[in-house]
Amino acid sequence: MVAQQFPQYTQFIFNKIGYNPAASGTSINAPYELILGARTQWFGFTNNPKSAFVSFNYNFIPKRSISKWHNVGIYVDQDQAGNFVHNDIWLSYTFHLLLAKKTIMSFGLFAGIKQFRLTKNNLDRNDPAVSNSNASVIAYPDLVPGIRLTNKKFFIDVCFQQVSIYKRSGIGGDIGSPSKLLPHYNFSAGRKIKINDYDKLMVAVNLRSSIVSLPSAEITVINYYNKRFAIGASIRSRNFVCGIVQFRMLKNLNVGLAYDLSTNKVFRASPNTGEIMVSFSPLFGGELTEKAVKLNVADCTF
């Protein structure tokens, strides 16, 4: 299938782990992160796209050396578009290697299962593709490899999805007519610019698509103020303009809100899209923490 897409979030910097397993545990100053999020696209449309996720990860840091460390976690998500629903359950492992005082190379892998479900209520039961389809199938193994380079001022990463699952079939039978599931790539890069002692500006881009299609491109600009509040905007191809607000409520409780306005023909019918993310973490959004750590290594958090 050429046109299929994976869940896409406006706050891809907030949910960086869902975009690439190599981003899990990048900060040595954050022993854990619990992140939840949900997105509803085009309010008012019947069977409109809906996505949700929850993730948790934990760092294992050696006592005597921090030239390398390990991270493990779990990521669960659901994406619904029309009559199709897919659920992912992934366990993650990430290895971080300190290349220089302020540069980290990370290698990550999601490994799990993918469930495909089909709702037949408003479909033509006489269609062979519908009548011959099972309601639910489980495909495995679902492997998502990724790599990431993180520095005090920038990050760049790429991961690949659907490299081990080629069609909607598995335990339970098949869904739909025989068709291949193409590998997808997800590329992100970001640059942090210090404005003053309180303001730090983040400029980030994301490109994602199947290997045979033109990518969906997004550029985001966010200003983080005093590690407490952030406001930004983004543009996604020619389809959305978006506003972003993030804030820290308690010591380790962070909230992100995004509103997307459709700029294509959908604007006339249902232009509104909403998104919320919550994290329980010592980190706030794309902040750069520079606490003293062993061997006096500067943290490279994005």
Protein backbone atom coordinates (compact mmCIF):
# COMPACT_ATOMS: atom_id res chain seq x y z
CA MET A 1 0.00 0.00 0.00
CA VAL A 2 1.61 3.22 -1.17
CA ALA A 3 -0.53 5.79 0.64
CA GLN A 4 -0.65 4.34 4.12
CA GLN A 5 0.86 6.34 6.96
CA PHE A 6 1.74 5.74 10.59
CA PRO A 7 0.44 7.85 13.49
CA GLN A 8 1.73 11.40 13.11
CA TYR A 9 1.93 13.87 15.98
CA THR A 10 2.47 17.60 15.84
CA GLN A 11 4.59 17.42 19.00
CA PHE A 12 7.10 14.95 17.57
CA ILE A 13 9.85 16.42 19.77
CA PHE A 14 7.74 15.65 22.88
CA ASN A 15 7.04 12.11 21.63
CA LYS A 16 10.54 11.56 20.22
CA ILE A 17 10.61 7.97 21.51
CA GLY A 18 7.53 7.04 19.46
CA TYR A 19 9.27 8.38 16.38
CA ASN A 20 12.55 6.55 16.99
CA PRO A 21 13.51 3.96 19.65
CA ALA A 22 17.08 5.33 19.57
CA ALA A 23 15.79 8.48 21.31
CA SER A 24 14.82 6.52 24.44
CA GLY A 25 17.06 7.38 27.39
CA THR A 26 19.26 9.90 25.58
CA SER A 27 19.51 12.04 28.71
CA ILE A 28 21.72 10.56 31.38
CA ASN A 29 20.07 12.89 33.92
CA ALA A 30 16.63 11.35 33.41
CA PRO A 31 16.46 7.90 35.02
CA TYR A 32 12.94 7.34 33.69
CA GLU A 33 10.19 8.79 31.50
CA LEU A 34 6.46 8.03 31.37
CA ILE A 35 4.71 9.68 28.42
CA LEU A 36 1.05 9.54 27.32
CA GLY A 37 -0.64 11.17 24.37
CA ALA A 38 -3.78 11.29 22.22
CA ARG A 39 -4.76 12.96 18.97
CA THR A 40 -8.12 13.41 17.23
CA GLN A 41 -8.04 14.65 13.65
CA TRP A 42 -10.83 16.52 11.87
CA PHE A 43 -13.42 16.80 14.64
CA GLY A 44 -16.87 16.04 13.28
CA PHE A 45 -15.94 13.60 10.54
CA THR A 46 -17.37 10.10 10.80
CA ASN A 47 -14.61 7.54 11.37
CA ASN A 48 -12.05 10.33 11.56
CA PRO A 49 -8.42 9.40 12.37
CA LYS A 50 -7.64 8.92 16.06
CA SER A 51 -4.33 7.99 17.70
CA ALA A 52 -3.17 7.34 21.25
CA PHE A 53 -0.03 6.02 22.92
CA VAL A 54 1.66 5.35 26.25
CA SER A 55 5.36 4.68 26.81
CA PHE A 56 7.75 4.07 29.68
CA ASN A 57 11.52 3.75 29.66
CA TYR A 58 14.30 3.42 32.23
CA ASN A 59 18.05 4.08 32.08
CA PHE A 60 20.66 1.65 33.40
CA ILE A 61 23.80 3.69 34.09
CA PRO A 62 27.10 2.01 35.12
CA LYS A 63 28.44 3.13 38.50
CA ARG A 64 32.06 3.59 37.49
CA SER A 65 31.82 4.86 33.93
CA ILE A 66 29.31 6.76 31.84
CA SER A 67 30.97 6.35 28.47
CA LYS A 68 28.08 4.03 27.65
CA TRP A 69 24.72 3.11 29.14
CA HIS A 70 21.59 1.10 28.38
CA ASN A 71 17.87 1.86 28.28
CA VAL A 72 14.86 -0.44 28.20
CA GLY A 73 11.19 0.40 27.82
CA ILE A 74 7.77 -0.36 26.43
CA TYR A 75 5.67 1.52 23.87
CA VAL A 76 1.98 0.84 23.17
CA ASP A 77 -0.07 2.72 20.60
CA GLN A 78 -3.31 2.58 18.65
CA ASP A 79 -4.14 4.23 15.34
CA GLN A 80 -7.63 4.25 13.83
CA ALA A 81 -8.38 5.51 10.34
CA GLY A 82 -11.83 4.73 8.98
CA ASN A 83 -12.58 1.03 9.26
CA PHE A 84 -8.98 0.05 9.91
CA VAL A 85 -7.37 -0.06 13.35
CA HIS A 86 -3.87 -1.16 14.18
CA ASN A 87 -2.30 -1.63 17.59
CA ASP A 88 1.43 -1.85 18.32
CA ILE A 89 3.02 -3.35 21.41
CA TRP A 90 6.78 -2.93 21.42
CA LEU A 91 9.55 -3.61 23.90
CA SER A 92 12.54 -1.37 23.37
CA TYR A 93 16.27 -1.58 23.93
CA THR A 94 18.64 1.33 23.32
CA PHE A 95 22.43 1.49 23.62
CA HIS A 96 24.07 4.89 24.13
CA LEU A 97 27.74 5.51 23.41
CA LEU A 98 29.53 8.71 24.38
CA LEU A 99 31.62 9.67 21.35
CA ALA A 100 32.91 12.93 22.77
CA LYS A 101 32.25 15.12 25.79
CA LYS A 102 29.00 16.44 24.36
CA THR A 103 28.08 13.97 21.61
CA ILE A 104 26.15 10.70 21.96
CA MET A 105 25.56 7.99 19.37
CA SER A 106 22.48 5.85 20.09
CA PHE A 107 21.23 2.61 18.59
CA GLY A 108 17.67 1.50 19.34
CA LEU A 109 15.25 -1.28 18.49
CA PHE A 110 11.52 -1.80 18.98
CA ALA A 111 10.51 -5.46 18.93
CA GLY A 112 6.94 -6.65 19.36
CA ILE A 113 3.67 -7.47 17.65
CA LYS A 114 1.17 -5.60 15.52
CA GLN A 115 -2.58 -6.22 15.57
CA PHE A 116 -4.74 -5.28 12.57
CA ARG A 117 -8.51 -4.96 13.05
CA LEU A 118 -11.28 -4.31 10.54
CA THR A 119 -14.72 -2.89 11.36
CA LYS A 120 -17.22 -4.21 8.81
CA ASN A 121 -20.38 -2.45 10.01
CA ASN A 122 -20.57 0.11 7.19
CA LEU A 123 -18.88 -1.97 4.48
CA ASP A 124 -20.42 -3.98 1.65
CA ARG A 125 -20.47 -7.58 2.88
CA ASN A 126 -20.81 -8.78 -0.74
CA ASP A 127 -17.37 -7.38 -1.55
CA PRO A 128 -14.99 -10.39 -1.64
CA ALA A 129 -12.26 -8.29 -0.01
CA VAL A 130 -14.64 -7.73 2.92
CA SER A 131 -16.34 -11.12 3.15
CA ASN A 132 -13.02 -12.98 3.00
CA SER A 133 -11.38 -10.78 5.63
CA ASN A 134 -10.99 -11.72 9.25
CA ALA A 135 -11.96 -9.21 11.90
CA SER A 136 -8.57 -9.28 13.61
CA VAL A 137 -5.11 -10.65 12.90
CA ILE A 138 -1.80 -10.49 14.77
CA ALA A 139 1.45 -10.11 12.83
CA TYR A 140 4.93 -10.68 14.25
CA PRO A 141 7.79 -10.07 14.70
CA ASP A 142 7.43 -6.30 14.31
CA LEU A 143 10.93 -4.81 14.31
CA VAL A 144 11.74 -1.07 14.18
CA PRO A 145 15.47 -0.23 14.15
CA GLY A 146 16.76 3.30 14.63
CA ILE A 147 19.91 5.36 15.05
CA ARG A 148 20.39 8.83 16.55
CA LEU A 149 23.21 11.34 16.98
CA THR A 150 22.69 13.83 19.81
CA ASN A 151 24.82 16.84 20.64
CA LYS A 152 24.41 19.73 23.06
CA LYS A 153 23.06 21.85 20.21
CA PHE A 154 21.52 19.46 17.67
CA PHE A 155 20.12 16.01 16.99
CA ILE A 156 19.62 13.93 13.87
CA ASP A 157 18.00 10.52 13.66
CA VAL A 158 16.34 8.00 11.37
CA CYS A 159 14.35 4.81 11.91
CA PHE A 160 12.62 2.29 9.67
CA GLN A 161 9.18 0.71 10.14
CA GLN A 162 7.56 -2.35 8.57
CA VAL A 163 10.90 -3.93 7.74
CA SER A 164 9.76 -7.35 9.02
CA ILE A 165 5.98 -7.32 8.37
CA TYR A 166 4.96 -7.33 4.72
CA LYS A 167 1.16 -7.75 4.75
CA ARG A 168 -1.92 -7.70 6.96
CA SER A 169 -1.86 -11.38 7.80
CA GLY A 170 -0.76 -13.60 10.63
CA ILE A 171 -2.43 -15.30 13.56
CA GLY A 172 -6.15 -15.13 12.77
CA GLY A 173 -5.96 -15.07 8.97
CA ASP A 174 -5.89 -12.11 6.55
CA ILE A 175 -7.46 -8.67 6.29
CA GLY A 176 -8.36 -7.13 2.94
CA SER A 177 -7.18 -8.10 -0.50
CA PRO A 178 -3.60 -9.35 -0.88
CA SER A 179 -1.34 -6.30 -0.83
CA LYS A 180 2.16 -5.54 0.37
CA LEU A 181 2.99 -3.30 3.33
CA LEU A 182 5.88 -1.14 2.23
CA PRO A 183 8.80 -0.22 4.49
CA HIS A 184 8.60 3.31 5.86
CA TYR A 185 11.29 5.69 7.06
CA ASN A 186 11.09 8.41 9.69
CA PHE A 187 13.77 11.14 9.66
CA SER A 188 14.08 13.98 12.16
CA ALA A 189 16.65 16.70 12.82
CA GLY A 190 16.72 19.63 15.20
CA ARG A 191 18.87 22.61 16.16
CA LYS A 192 18.77 24.49 19.44
CA ILE A 193 19.62 28.20 19.47
CA LYS A 194 20.31 30.07 22.71
CA ILE A 195 18.65 33.48 22.70
CA ASN A 196 19.51 34.49 26.26
CA ASP A 197 19.80 32.88 29.71
CA TYR A 198 16.06 32.15 29.74
CA ASP A 199 15.03 31.59 26.13
CA LYS A 200 16.11 28.70 23.93
CA LEU A 201 14.71 28.34 20.44
CA MET A 202 14.26 24.89 18.88
CA VAL A 203 13.97 24.47 15.12
CA ALA A 204 13.17 20.89 14.03
CA VAL A 205 12.08 19.10 10.87
CA ASN A 206 10.48 15.71 10.31
CA LEU A 207 10.21 13.72 7.07
CA ARG A 208 8.31 10.45 6.87
CA SER A 209 6.95 8.26 4.10
CA SER A 210 7.05 4.89 2.44
CA ILE A 211 10.17 4.20 0.41
CA VAL A 212 8.35 4.84 -2.89
CA SER A 213 6.32 7.96 -2.00
CA LEU A 214 6.99 11.64 -1.54
CA PRO A 215 7.52 12.40 2.16
CA SER A 216 5.22 14.28 4.47
CA ALA A 217 7.36 17.20 5.63
CA GLU A 218 6.94 19.17 8.85
CA ILE A 219 8.93 22.06 10.30
CA THR A 220 8.49 23.17 13.91
CA VAL A 221 9.77 26.23 15.77
CA ILE A 222 9.37 26.33 19.57
CA ASN A 223 10.66 28.78 22.15
CA TYR A 224 11.35 27.28 25.59
CA TYR A 225 11.28 29.82 28.41
CA ASN A 226 13.01 29.19 31.75
CA LYS A 227 12.36 25.42 31.57
CA ARG A 228 8.73 26.11 32.50
CA PHE A 229 6.82 27.25 29.46
CA ALA A 230 7.06 26.82 25.69
CA ILE A 231 5.13 28.18 22.74
CA GLY A 232 5.61 27.33 19.09
CA ALA A 233 4.18 26.72 15.66
CA SER A 234 4.62 24.26 12.83
CA ILE A 235 3.69 23.70 9.20
CA ARG A 236 3.02 20.22 7.78
CA SER A 237 3.37 20.11 3.99
CA ARG A 238 0.41 22.02 2.53
CA ASN A 239 -2.15 20.45 4.84
CA PHE A 240 -1.82 21.96 8.34
CA VAL A 241 -0.68 25.00 10.26
CA CYS A 242 -0.30 24.23 13.95
CA GLY A 243 0.06 25.97 17.29
CA ILE A 244 1.83 24.39 20.28
CA VAL A 245 1.80 25.25 23.99
CA GLN A 246 3.72 23.28 26.62
CA PHE A 247 4.13 23.90 30.33
CA ARG A 248 5.40 22.31 33.51
CA MET A 249 2.74 21.96 36.21
CA LEU A 250 4.69 20.21 38.97
CA LYS A 251 8.30 19.19 39.44
CA ASN A 252 8.04 16.22 37.08
CA LEU A 253 4.65 16.75 35.40
CA ASN A 254 4.69 18.26 31.92
CA VAL A 255 1.76 18.97 29.58
CA GLY A 256 1.76 19.69 25.85
CA LEU A 257 -1.19 20.89 23.77
CA ALA A 258 -1.39 21.31 20.00
CA TYR A 259 -4.07 22.61 17.67
CA ASP A 260 -3.92 21.95 13.92
CA LEU A 261 -5.88 23.92 11.34
CA SER A 262 -6.41 22.26 7.97
CA THR A 263 -5.28 24.39 5.04
CA ASN A 264 -6.44 22.04 2.29
CA LYS A 265 -9.99 21.31 1.03
CA VAL A 266 -10.91 19.70 4.37
CA PHE A 267 -11.02 23.24 5.78
CA ARG A 268 -14.56 23.67 4.44
CA ALA A 269 -15.90 20.59 6.25
CA SER A 270 -13.93 19.97 9.42
CA PRO A 271 -10.70 21.96 9.85
CA ASN A 272 -10.00 21.31 13.53
CA THR A 273 -7.53 18.80 15.03
CA GLY A 274 -6.51 18.52 18.68
CA GLU A 275 -3.64 16.81 20.47
CA ILE A 276 -2.54 16.41 24.09
CA MET A 277 0.57 14.88 25.65
CA VAL A 278 1.53 14.39 29.30
CA SER A 279 4.86 13.25 30.67
CA PHE A 280 6.15 12.34 34.10
CA SER A 281 9.83 13.10 33.71
CA PRO A 282 12.63 15.30 35.10
CA LEU A 283 12.91 16.72 31.57
CA PHE A 284 10.72 19.41 30.06
CA GLY A 285 10.03 19.27 26.34
CA GLY A 286 13.19 20.01 24.39
CA GLU A 287 15.08 21.60 27.26
CA LEU A 288 18.82 21.19 27.61
CA THR A 289 19.82 20.10 31.11
CA GLU A 290 23.38 20.69 32.23
CA LYS A 291 23.50 19.28 35.73
CA ALA A 292 26.83 18.04 37.03
CA VAL A 293 27.21 14.32 36.47
CA LYS A 294 29.99 11.77 36.85
CA LEU A 295 33.15 12.60 34.93
CA ASN A 296 31.68 16.06 34.43
CA VAL A 297 30.04 15.08 31.15
CA ALA A 298 27.55 17.65 29.85
CA ASP A 299 24.10 16.25 29.21
CA CYS A 300 22.80 16.28 25.65
CA THR A 301 19.06 16.23 26.20
CA PHE A 302 16.65 17.14 23.45
